[in-house]
C-alpha atoms as a PDB file:
ATOM      1  CA  UNK A   1      -0.200   0.379   0.026  1.00  0.00           C
ATOM      2  CA  UNK A   2       1.637   3.502  -0.963  1.00  0.00           C
ATOM      3  CA  UNK A   3       0.626   6.563   0.853  1.00  0.00           C
ATOM      4  CA  UNK A   4       1.881  10.180  -0.057  1.00  0.00           C
ATOM      5  CA  UNK A   5       3.150  12.411   2.502  1.00  0.00           C
ATOM      6  CA  UNK A   6       1.219  15.120   1.486  1.00  0.00           C
ATOM      7  CA  UNK A   7      -2.329  15.279   2.994  1.00  0.00           C
ATOM      8  CA  UNK A   8      -4.954  17.212   4.688  1.00  0.00           C
ATOM      9  CA  UNK A   9      -8.036  16.149   7.168  1.00  0.00           C
ATOM     10  CA  UNK A  10     -10.258  17.795   9.435  1.00  0.00           C
ATOM     11  CA  UNK A  11     -12.645  16.752  12.163  1.00  0.00           C
ATOM     12  CA  UNK A  12     -15.323  18.645  13.718  1.00  0.00           C
ATOM     13  CA  UNK A  13     -17.586  17.648  16.780  1.00  0.00           C
ATOM     14  CA  UNK A  14     -19.223  19.015  19.806  1.00  0.00           C
ATOM     15  CA  UNK A  15     -18.881  16.853  22.836  1.00  0.00           C
ATOM     16  CA  UNK A  16     -19.550  17.469  26.086  1.00  0.00           C
ATOM     17  CA  UNK A  17     -20.713  20.913  25.758  1.00  0.00           C
ATOM     18  CA  UNK A  18     -17.107  21.725  23.619  1.00  0.00           C
ATOM     19  CA  UNK A  19     -17.011  22.328  20.235  1.00  0.00           C
ATOM     20  CA  UNK A  20     -13.854  20.600  19.081  1.00  0.00           C
ATOM     21  CA  UNK A  21     -11.911  20.998  15.832  1.00  0.00           C
ATOM     22  CA  UNK A  22      -8.935  19.466  14.397  1.00  0.00           C
ATOM     23  CA  UNK A  23      -6.894  20.037  11.568  1.00  0.00           C
ATOM     24  CA  UNK A  24      -4.093  17.615  10.276  1.00  0.00           C
ATOM     25  CA  UNK A  25      -1.870  18.738   7.018  1.00  0.00           C
ATOM     26  CA  UNK A  26       1.634  17.345   6.008  1.00  0.00           C
ATOM     27  CA  UNK A  27       4.045  18.046   3.591  1.00  0.00           C
ATOM     28  CA  UNK A  28       7.426  15.923   2.565  1.00  0.00           C
ATOM     29  CA  UNK A  29      10.034  15.595   4.863  1.00  0.00           C
ATOM     30  CA  UNK A  30      12.470  12.829   5.342  1.00  0.00           C
ATOM     31  CA  UNK A  31      11.691  12.003   8.709  1.00  0.00           C
ATOM     32  CA  UNK A  32       8.471  12.186  11.006  1.00  0.00           C
ATOM     33  CA  UNK A  33       8.257  15.992  12.264  1.00  0.00           C
ATOM     34  CA  UNK A  34       5.345  17.244  14.146  1.00  0.00           C
ATOM     35  CA  UNK A  35       4.543  20.803  15.177  1.00  0.00           C
ATOM     36  CA  UNK A  36       0.852  22.219  16.652  1.00  0.00           C
ATOM     37  CA  UNK A  37      -1.070  25.415  17.054  1.00  0.00           C
ATOM     38  CA  UNK A  38      -3.573  25.430  20.067  1.00  0.00           C
ATOM     39  CA  UNK A  39      -4.502  27.677  23.102  1.00  0.00           C
ATOM     40  CA  UNK A  40      -1.842  27.437  25.752  1.00  0.00           C
ATOM     41  CA  UNK A  41      -4.702  26.038  28.009  1.00  0.00           C
ATOM     42  CA  UNK A  42      -4.812  22.880  26.105  1.00  0.00           C
ATOM     43  CA  UNK A  43      -0.860  22.192  25.272  1.00  0.00           C
ATOM     44  CA  UNK A  44      -1.162  19.452  28.286  1.00  0.00           C
ATOM     45  CA  UNK A  45      -3.088  17.667  25.057  1.00  0.00           C
ATOM     46  CA  UNK A  46       0.026  18.194  22.551  1.00  0.00           C
ATOM     47  CA  UNK A  47       2.122  15.134  23.586  1.00  0.00           C
ATOM     48  CA  UNK A  48      -0.911  12.688  23.436  1.00  0.00           C
ATOM     49  CA  UNK A  49      -1.887  14.042  19.790  1.00  0.00           C
ATOM     50  CA  UNK A  50       1.590  13.345  18.490  1.00  0.00           C
ATOM     51  CA  UNK A  51       1.835   9.995  19.528  1.00  0.00           C
ATOM     52  CA  UNK A  52      -1.885   9.247  18.521  1.00  0.00           C
ATOM     53  CA  UNK A  53      -0.808  10.402  14.749  1.00  0.00           C
ATOM     54  CA  UNK A  54       2.506   9.042  14.752  1.00  0.00           C
ATOM     55  CA  UNK A  55       1.118   5.866  15.319  1.00  0.00           C
ATOM     56  CA  UNK A  56      -0.573   6.202  11.814  1.00  0.00           C
ATOM     57  CA  UNK A  57       2.241   8.677   9.985  1.00  0.00           C
ATOM     58  CA  UNK A  58       5.756   7.458   9.756  1.00  0.00           C
ATOM     59  CA  UNK A  59       7.042  10.436   7.664  1.00  0.00           C
ATOM     60  CA  UNK A  60       6.156  13.767   6.633  1.00  0.00           C
ATOM     61  CA  UNK A  61       6.372  17.288   8.379  1.00  0.00           C
ATOM     62  CA  UNK A  62       2.987  17.226  10.165  1.00  0.00           C
ATOM     63  CA  UNK A  63       1.197  19.984  11.441  1.00  0.00           C
ATOM     64  CA  UNK A  64      -1.893  19.949  13.438  1.00  0.00           C
ATOM     65  CA  UNK A  65      -4.416  22.844  14.783  1.00  0.00           C
ATOM     66  CA  UNK A  66      -6.687  22.331  17.427  1.00  0.00           C
ATOM     67  CA  UNK A  67      -9.749  24.551  18.471  1.00  0.00           C
ATOM     68  CA  UNK A  68     -11.733  24.217  21.081  1.00  0.00           C
ATOM     69  CA  UNK A  69     -14.755  26.471  22.067  1.00  0.00           C
ATOM     70  CA  UNK A  70     -17.460  26.099  24.800  1.00  0.00           C
ATOM     71  CA  UNK A  71     -20.991  26.053  23.796  1.00  0.00           C
ATOM     72  CA  UNK A  72     -22.947  25.530  26.891  1.00  0.00           C
ATOM     73  CA  UNK A  73     -20.935  27.960  29.124  1.00  0.00           C
ATOM     74  CA  UNK A  74     -17.876  30.101  29.243  1.00  0.00           C
ATOM     75  CA  UNK A  75     -14.858  27.933  30.722  1.00  0.00           C
ATOM     76  CA  UNK A  76     -13.216  31.715  32.055  1.00  0.00           C
ATOM     77  CA  UNK A  77     -14.206  33.498  35.476  1.00  0.00           C
ATOM     78  CA  UNK A  78     -13.346  36.959  36.187  1.00  0.00           C
ATOM     79  CA  UNK A  79     -12.455  37.546  39.751  1.00  0.00           C
ATOM     80  CA  UNK A  80     -12.267  40.760  41.727  1.00  0.00           C
ATOM     81  CA  UNK A  81      -9.442  41.338  44.083  1.00  0.00           C
ATOM     82  CA  UNK A  82     -11.770  43.590  46.614  1.00  0.00           C
ATOM     83  CA  UNK A  83      -8.863  44.190  49.324  1.00  0.00           C
ATOM     84  CA  UNK A  84      -6.590  45.095  46.378  1.00  0.00           C
ATOM     85  CA  UNK A  85      -9.453  47.424  44.634  1.00  0.00           C
ATOM     86  CA  UNK A  86      -9.882  49.435  48.227  1.00  0.00           C
ATOM     87  CA  UNK A  87      -6.166  49.868  48.631  1.00  0.00           C
ATOM     88  CA  UNK A  88      -6.218  51.465  45.086  1.00  0.00           C
ATOM     89  CA  UNK A  89      -9.214  53.678  45.980  1.00  0.00           C
ATOM     90  CA  UNK A  90      -7.434  54.765  49.247  1.00  0.00           C
ATOM     91  CA  UNK A  91      -4.285  55.767  47.609  1.00  0.00           C
ATOM     92  CA  UNK A  92      -6.318  57.605  44.984  1.00  0.00           C
ATOM     93  CA  UNK A  93      -8.627  59.366  47.945  1.00  0.00           C
ATOM     94  CA  UNK A  94      -5.374  60.424  49.665  1.00  0.00           C
ATOM     95  CA  UNK A  95      -3.709  62.132  46.350  1.00  0.00           C
ATOM     96  CA  UNK A  96      -7.283  63.773  45.891  1.00  0.00           C
ATOM     97  CA  UNK A  97      -7.122  65.272  49.731  1.00  0.00           C
ATOM     98  CA  UNK A  98      -3.719  66.485  49.424  1.00  0.00           C
ATOM     99  CA  UNK A  99      -4.093  68.136  45.783  1.00  0.00           C
ATOM    100  CA  UNK A 100      -7.640  69.354  46.220  1.00  0.00           C
ATOM    101  CA  UNK A 101      -8.908  67.078  43.406  1.00  0.00           C
ATOM    102  CA  UNK A 102     -12.184  65.455  43.104  1.00  0.00           C
ATOM    103  CA  UNK A 103     -12.359  61.901  44.910  1.00  0.00           C
ATOM    104  CA  UNK A 104     -12.733  59.115  42.116  1.00  0.00           C
ATOM    105  CA  UNK A 105     -16.248  57.558  41.949  1.00  0.00           C
ATOM    106  CA  UNK A 106     -16.694  55.443  38.918  1.00  0.00           C
ATOM    107  CA  UNK A 107     -15.829  52.127  39.876  1.00  0.00           C
ATOM    108  CA  UNK A 108     -14.650  51.388  36.116  1.00  0.00           C
ATOM    109  CA  UNK A 109     -11.350  53.715  37.087  1.00  0.00           C
ATOM    110  CA  UNK A 110     -10.548  51.200  39.634  1.00  0.00           C
ATOM    111  CA  UNK A 111     -10.933  48.177  37.929  1.00  0.00           C
ATOM    112  CA  UNK A 112      -8.612  48.958  35.035  1.00  0.00           C
ATOM    113  CA  UNK A 113      -5.941  48.910  37.753  1.00  0.00           C
ATOM    114  CA  UNK A 114      -3.226  45.737  37.339  1.00  0.00           C
ATOM    115  CA  UNK A 115      -4.436  43.187  39.229  1.00  0.00           C
ATOM    116  CA  UNK A 116      -8.297  44.097  40.468  1.00  0.00           C
ATOM    117  CA  UNK A 117      -9.732  41.909  37.725  1.00  0.00           C
ATOM    118  CA  UNK A 118      -8.472  38.725  37.068  1.00  0.00           C
ATOM    119  CA  UNK A 119      -9.401  35.671  34.670  1.00  0.00           C
ATOM    120  CA  UNK A 120      -9.227  32.201  35.662  1.00  0.00           C
ATOM    121  CA  UNK A 121     -10.248  29.196  33.674  1.00  0.00           C
ATOM    122  CA  UNK A 122     -12.804  26.920  35.588  1.00  0.00           C
ATOM    123  CA  UNK A 123     -11.593  23.407  36.408  1.00  0.00           C
ATOM    124  CA  UNK A 124     -11.759  20.952  33.363  1.00  0.00           C
ATOM    125  CA  UNK A 125     -12.192  17.195  33.032  1.00  0.00           C
ATOM    126  CA  UNK A 126      -8.713  16.767  31.595  1.00  0.00           C
ATOM    127  CA  UNK A 127      -9.406  13.207  30.952  1.00  0.00           C
ATOM    128  CA  UNK A 128     -12.737  13.386  29.477  1.00  0.00           C
ATOM    129  CA  UNK A 129     -11.410  16.662  27.309  1.00  0.00           C
ATOM    130  CA  UNK A 130      -8.413  14.599  26.456  1.00  0.00           C
ATOM    131  CA  UNK A 131     -10.893  11.264  25.617  1.00  0.00           C
ATOM    132  CA  UNK A 132     -13.283  13.819  23.334  1.00  0.00           C
ATOM    133  CA  UNK A 133     -10.075  15.624  21.389  1.00  0.00           C
ATOM    134  CA  UNK A 134      -8.661  11.886  20.669  1.00  0.00           C
ATOM    135  CA  UNK A 135     -11.837  11.032  19.202  1.00  0.00           C
ATOM    136  CA  UNK A 136     -11.911  14.102  17.134  1.00  0.00           C
ATOM    137  CA  UNK A 137      -8.172  13.510  15.964  1.00  0.00           C
ATOM    138  CA  UNK A 138      -9.265  10.169  14.783  1.00  0.00           C
ATOM    139  CA  UNK A 139     -12.063  11.451  12.494  1.00  0.00           C
ATOM    140  CA  UNK A 140      -9.364  14.221  10.928  1.00  0.00           C
ATOM    141  CA  UNK A 141      -6.552  11.442  10.658  1.00  0.00           C
ATOM    142  CA  UNK A 142      -9.007   8.948   8.661  1.00  0.00           C
ATOM    143  CA  UNK A 143      -9.975  12.189   6.231  1.00  0.00           C
ATOM    144  CA  UNK A 144      -6.079  12.903   6.174  1.00  0.00           C
ATOM    145  CA  UNK A 145      -5.224   9.178   5.190  1.00  0.00           C
ATOM    146  CA  UNK A 146      -7.839   8.799   3.060  1.00  0.00           C
ATOM    147  CA  UNK A 147      -6.458  12.059   0.855  1.00  0.00           C
ATOM    148  CA  UNK A 148      -3.053  10.167   1.715  1.00  0.00           C
ATOM    149  CA  UNK A 149      -4.149   7.311   0.019  1.00  0.00           C
ATOM    150  CA  UNK A 150      -5.665   8.537  -3.021  1.00  0.00           C
ATOM    151  CA  UNK A 151      -2.503  10.442  -3.836  1.00  0.00           C
ATOM    152  CA  UNK A 152      -0.261   7.526  -2.854  1.00  0.00           C
ATOM    153  CA  UNK A 153      -2.175   5.447  -6.120  1.00  0.00           C
ATOM    154  CA  UNK A 154      -1.201   8.330  -8.386  1.00  0.00           C
ATOM    155  CA  UNK A 155       2.057   7.938  -7.379  1.00  0.00           C
ATOM    156  CA  UNK A 156       2.132   3.976  -7.228  1.00  0.00           C
ATOM    157  CA  UNK A 157       0.561   4.048 -10.997  1.00  0.00           C
ATOM    158  CA  UNK A 158       3.576   6.550 -12.422  1.00  0.00           C
ATOM    159  CA  UNK A 159       6.179   4.357 -10.636  1.00  0.00           C
ATOM    160  CA  UNK A 160       5.135   0.937 -11.885  1.00  0.00           C
ATOM    161  CA  UNK A 161       4.814   2.401 -15.531  1.00  0.00           C
ATOM    162  CA  UNK A 162       8.395   3.878 -15.257  1.00  0.00           C
ATOM    163  CA  UNK A 163       9.770   0.734 -13.901  1.00  0.00           C
ATOM    164  CA  UNK A 164       8.260  -1.194 -17.200  1.00  0.00           C
ATOM    165  CA  UNK A 165       9.753   1.356 -19.552  1.00  0.00           C
ATOM    166  CA  UNK A 166      12.848   0.832 -17.887  1.00  0.00           C
ATOM    167  CA  UNK A 167      12.567  -3.167 -18.252  1.00  0.00           C
ATOM    168  CA  UNK A 168      11.919  -2.719 -21.747  1.00  0.00           C
ATOM    169  CA  UNK A 169      15.213  -0.383 -22.628  1.00  0.00           C
ATOM    170  CA  UNK A 170      17.084  -3.266 -20.467  1.00  0.00           C
ATOM    171  CA  UNK A 171      15.805  -5.729 -22.650  1.00  0.00           C
ATOM    172  CA  UNK A 172      16.881  -3.347 -25.531  1.00  0.00           C
ATOM    173  CA  UNK A 173      20.775  -3.006 -23.920  1.00  0.00           C
ATOM    174  CA  UNK A 174      20.635  -6.940 -23.638  1.00  0.00           C
ATOM    175  CA  UNK A 175      19.609  -7.428 -27.550  1.00  0.00           C
ATOM    176  CA  UNK A 176      22.246  -4.973 -28.261  1.00  0.00           C
ATOM    177  CA  UNK A 177      25.183  -5.392 -25.989  1.00  0.00           C
ATOM    178  CA  UNK A 178      26.341  -8.811 -27.557  1.00  0.00           C
ATOM    179  CA  UNK A 179      26.581  -7.296 -30.965  1.00  0.00           C
ATOM    180  CA  UNK A 180      29.017  -4.664 -29.980  1.00  0.00           C
ATOM    181  CA  UNK A 181      31.909  -7.579 -29.518  1.00  0.00           C
ATOM    182  CA  UNK A 182      31.212  -8.802 -33.275  1.00  0.00           C
ATOM    183  CA  UNK A 183      31.435  -5.191 -34.510  1.00  0.00           C
ATOM    184  CA  UNK A 184      34.808  -4.684 -32.760  1.00  0.00           C
ATOM    185  CA  UNK A 185      36.039  -8.242 -33.916  1.00  0.00           C
ATOM    186  CA  UNK A 186      34.964  -6.917 -37.867  1.00  0.00           C
ATOM    187  CA  UNK A 187      36.724  -3.783 -37.320  1.00  0.00           C
ATOM    188  CA  UNK A 188      39.966  -4.996 -35.607  1.00  0.00           C
ATOM    189  CA  UNK A 189      40.070  -7.650 -38.907  1.00  0.00           C
ATOM    190  CA  UNK A 190      39.816  -4.789 -41.322  1.00  0.00           C
ATOM    191  CA  UNK A 191      41.994  -2.556 -39.265  1.00  0.00           C
ATOM    192  CA  UNK A 192      44.853  -5.476 -39.251  1.00  0.00           C
ATOM    193  CA  UNK A 193      44.126  -6.436 -42.895  1.00  0.00           C
ATOM    194  CA  UNK A 194      44.973  -2.561 -43.704  1.00  0.00           C
ATOM    195  CA  UNK A 195      48.238  -2.588 -41.480  1.00  0.00           C
ATOM    196  CA  UNK A 196      49.345  -5.732 -43.160  1.00  0.00           C
ATOM    197  CA  UNK A 197      48.000  -5.573 -46.276  1.00  0.00           C
ATOM    198  CA  UNK A 198      49.104  -8.786 -48.253  1.00  0.00           C
ATOM    199  CA  UNK A 199      49.892 -10.581 -45.041  1.00  0.00           C
ATOM    200  CA  UNK A 200      47.723 -13.435 -43.704  1.00  0.00           C
ATOM    201  CA  UNK A 201      45.814 -11.730 -40.674  1.00  0.00           C
ATOM    202  CA  UNK A 202      46.095 -14.313 -37.631  1.00  0.00           C
ATOM    203  CA  UNK A 203      42.281 -15.099 -36.938  1.00  0.00           C
ATOM    204  CA  UNK A 204      43.255 -16.530 -33.366  1.00  0.00           C
ATOM    205  CA  UNK A 205      44.944 -13.339 -32.120  1.00  0.00           C
ATOM    206  CA  UNK A 206      41.437 -11.436 -33.353  1.00  0.00           C
ATOM    207  CA  UNK A 207      39.452 -14.014 -31.356  1.00  0.00           C
ATOM    208  CA  UNK A 208      41.624 -13.461 -28.461  1.00  0.00           C
ATOM    209  CA  UNK A 209      41.345  -9.723 -28.629  1.00  0.00           C
ATOM    210  CA  UNK A 210      37.548  -9.906 -29.049  1.00  0.00           C
ATOM    211  CA  UNK A 211      37.008 -12.217 -25.913  1.00  0.00           C
ATOM    212  CA  UNK A 212      39.403  -9.645 -24.183  1.00  0.00           C
ATOM    213  CA  UNK A 213      37.307  -6.638 -25.033  1.00  0.00           C
ATOM    214  CA  UNK A 214      33.916  -8.843 -24.553  1.00  0.00           C
ATOM    215  CA  UNK A 215      34.863  -9.192 -21.150  1.00  0.00           C
ATOM    216  CA  UNK A 216      35.432  -5.367 -20.429  1.00  0.00           C
ATOM    217  CA  UNK A 217      32.149  -4.322 -21.976  1.00  0.00           C
ATOM    218  CA  UNK A 218      29.959  -7.175 -20.741  1.00  0.00           C
ATOM    219  CA  UNK A 219      26.969  -5.892 -18.885  1.00  0.00           C
ATOM    220  CA  UNK A 220      25.096  -9.109 -18.028  1.00  0.00           C
ATOM    221  CA  UNK A 221      25.534  -8.998 -14.133  1.00  0.00           C
ATOM    222  CA  UNK A 222      24.381  -5.180 -14.405  1.00  0.00           C
ATOM    223  CA  UNK A 223      21.071  -5.826 -16.396  1.00  0.00           C
ATOM    224  CA  UNK A 224      20.452  -8.589 -14.158  1.00  0.00           C
ATOM    225  CA  UNK A 225      20.631  -6.654 -10.864  1.00  0.00           C
ATOM    226  CA  UNK A 226      18.767  -4.184 -12.346  1.00  0.00           C
ATOM    227  CA  UNK A 227      16.127  -6.831 -13.032  1.00  0.00           C
ATOM    228  CA  UNK A 228      16.251  -7.932  -9.568  1.00  0.00           C
ATOM    229  CA  UNK A 229      16.202  -4.075  -8.146  1.00  0.00           C
ATOM    230  CA  UNK A 230      13.043  -3.531 -10.041  1.00  0.00           C
ATOM    231  CA  UNK A 231      11.108  -7.072  -8.922  1.00  0.00           C
ATOM    232  CA  UNK A 232      11.756  -5.555  -5.389  1.00  0.00           C
ATOM    233  CA  UNK A 233      10.703  -2.413  -6.071  1.00  0.00           C
ATOM    234  CA  UNK A 234       7.041  -4.010  -7.158  1.00  0.00           C
ATOM    235  CA  UNK A 235       7.287  -6.121  -4.537  1.00  0.00           C
ATOM    236  CA  UNK A 236       7.669  -3.466  -1.635  1.00  0.00           C
ATOM    237  CA  UNK A 237       5.115  -1.090  -3.626  1.00  0.00           C
ATOM    238  CA  UNK A 238       2.313  -4.448  -3.431  1.00  0.00           C
ATOM    239  CA  UNK A 239       3.021  -4.722   0.065  1.00  0.00           C
ATOM    240  CA  UNK A 240       1.010  -3.499   3.033  1.00  0.00           C
ATOM    241  CA  UNK A 241       4.180  -1.696   4.939  1.00  0.00           C
ATOM    242  CA  UNK A 242       4.830   1.690   4.304  1.00  0.00           C
ATOM    243  CA  UNK A 243       8.688   1.178   2.935  1.00  0.00           C
ATOM    244  CA  UNK A 244       9.769   4.321   1.328  1.00  0.00           C
ATOM    245  CA  UNK A 245      13.216   4.539   2.873  1.00  0.00           C
ATOM    246  CA  UNK A 246      13.851   1.064   1.618  1.00  0.00           C
ATOM    247  CA  UNK A 247      12.879   2.723  -1.978  1.00  0.00           C
ATOM    248  CA  UNK A 248      15.003   5.363  -1.700  1.00  0.00           C
ATOM    249  CA  UNK A 249      17.863   2.683  -0.904  1.00  0.00           C
ATOM    250  CA  UNK A 250      16.767   0.709  -4.063  1.00  0.00           C
ATOM    251  CA  UNK A 251      16.559   4.083  -6.390  1.00  0.00           C
ATOM    252  CA  UNK A 252      20.327   4.477  -5.529  1.00  0.00           C
ATOM    253  CA  UNK A 253      21.258   0.991  -6.445  1.00  0.00           C
ATOM    254  CA  UNK A 254      19.420   1.237 -10.053  1.00  0.00           C
ATOM    255  CA  UNK A 255      20.909   4.376 -10.713  1.00  0.00           C
ATOM    256  CA  UNK A 256      24.510   2.808  -9.793  1.00  0.00           C
ATOM    257  CA  UNK A 257      23.742  -0.162 -11.891  1.00  0.00           C
ATOM    258  CA  UNK A 258      22.826   2.613 -15.157  1.00  0.00           C
ATOM    259  CA  UNK A 259      26.129   4.330 -14.124  1.00  0.00           C
ATOM    260  CA  UNK A 260      28.190   1.076 -14.559  1.00  0.00           C
ATOM    261  CA  UNK A 261      26.608  -0.048 -17.862  1.00  0.00           C
ATOM    262  CA  UNK A 262      26.982   3.462 -19.217  1.00  0.00           C
ATOM    263  CA  UNK A 263      30.642   3.449 -17.982  1.00  0.00           C
ATOM    264  CA  UNK A 264      31.279   0.073 -19.925  1.00  0.00           C
ATOM    265  CA  UNK A 265      29.511   0.951 -23.215  1.00  0.00           C
ATOM    266  CA  UNK A 266      31.261   2.691 -25.836  1.00  0.00           C
ATOM    267  CA  UNK A 267      28.583   2.082 -28.350  1.00  0.00           C
ATOM    268  CA  UNK A 268      26.283   5.075 -28.860  1.00  0.00           C
ATOM    269  CA  UNK A 269      22.889   3.033 -28.897  1.00  0.00           C
ATOM    270  CA  UNK A 270      23.292   1.494 -25.725  1.00  0.00           C
ATOM    271  CA  UNK A 271      24.939   5.236 -24.341  1.00  0.00           C
ATOM    272  CA  UNK A 272      21.499   6.639 -25.574  1.00  0.00           C
ATOM    273  CA  UNK A 273      19.324   3.791 -23.486  1.00  0.00           C
ATOM    274  CA  UNK A 274      21.555   4.292 -20.488  1.00  0.00           C
ATOM    275  CA  UNK A 275      20.450   8.122 -20.441  1.00  0.00           C
ATOM    276  CA  UNK A 276      16.910   7.143 -20.872  1.00  0.00           C
ATOM    277  CA  UNK A 277      17.059   4.719 -17.925  1.00  0.00           C
ATOM    278  CA  UNK A 278      18.477   7.433 -15.744  1.00  0.00           C
ATOM    279  CA  UNK A 279      15.978   9.810 -16.796  1.00  0.00           C
ATOM    280  CA  UNK A 280      13.359   7.253 -15.597  1.00  0.00           C
ATOM    281  CA  UNK A 281      15.104   6.701 -12.492  1.00  0.00           C
ATOM    282  CA  UNK A 282      15.395  10.378 -11.774  1.00  0.00           C
ATOM    283  CA  UNK A 283      11.432  10.538 -12.457  1.00  0.00           C
ATOM    284  CA  UNK A 284      11.097   7.576 -10.270  1.00  0.00           C
ATOM    285  CA  UNK A 285      13.384   9.381  -7.262  1.00  0.00           C
ATOM    286  CA  UNK A 286      11.036  12.187  -7.435  1.00  0.00           C
ATOM    287  CA  UNK A 287       7.765  10.599  -6.896  1.00  0.00           C
ATOM    288  CA  UNK A 288       9.161   8.231  -3.735  1.00  0.00           C
ATOM    289  CA  UNK A 289      10.347  11.281  -2.224  1.00  0.00           C
ATOM    290  CA  UNK A 290       6.559  11.998  -1.762  1.00  0.00           C
ATOM    291  CA  UNK A 291       5.736   8.691  -0.700  1.00  0.00           C
ATOM    292  CA  UNK A 292       5.263   7.805   3.088  1.00  0.00           C
END
């Protein structure tokens, strides 16, 4: 099963008097990276949310947004420090007496001073809130994973088609490669004929030189390994586990074998096909960078 690292999901529910909204979105990242946006009053939920998501998501830069609103009553109460307010009032009256000013009468004047009015949150049932948030995270996570799966299916189709293209090119190289030795042998024979003119050419020497050349330019092992890597690729893509990192490694191996074939080749037809293979591998690399 292939999942994209890019996704978005949103969950919303009203539970136990609270309107809870969770949004999850992610972009490509080599490892799992988590960040969140929420009120400071709910940061105690952050670690649990991270753990819940990480149980499902293995790679990607994940950002979570949590918004909680009360729908039944406010979770904040305003309290007045009467003693502090009286102290402020007495001080203001003293200033008024000393300076001959009118005494303060508006209570709003006193309430503006620091510490007179404070906001405090009502006691939360943190255990119940944690369960409710977890339930909404699950809703968002389901939508999030559904989008990642849809995008992953597109990546899967594209990569499988490119693997098939590489296989076809490898088959062409396997057909062309043996002909290089025969062409080399013919060129060598003609060259020696020109040099030696009427003297008879040593056929055995030509066969020996051709055999040495064939051994140097043989790419049988490389094409066999390419086919093996492609088969492993298909097995991983068809499997249930998320194996993005293993695909990274296999892509490097595909590229390594293609480079080796290219370095051994002194044939334009083979070189051109190696360039085509490397182009397909690079496109595959771009796609698997989006896979979880």
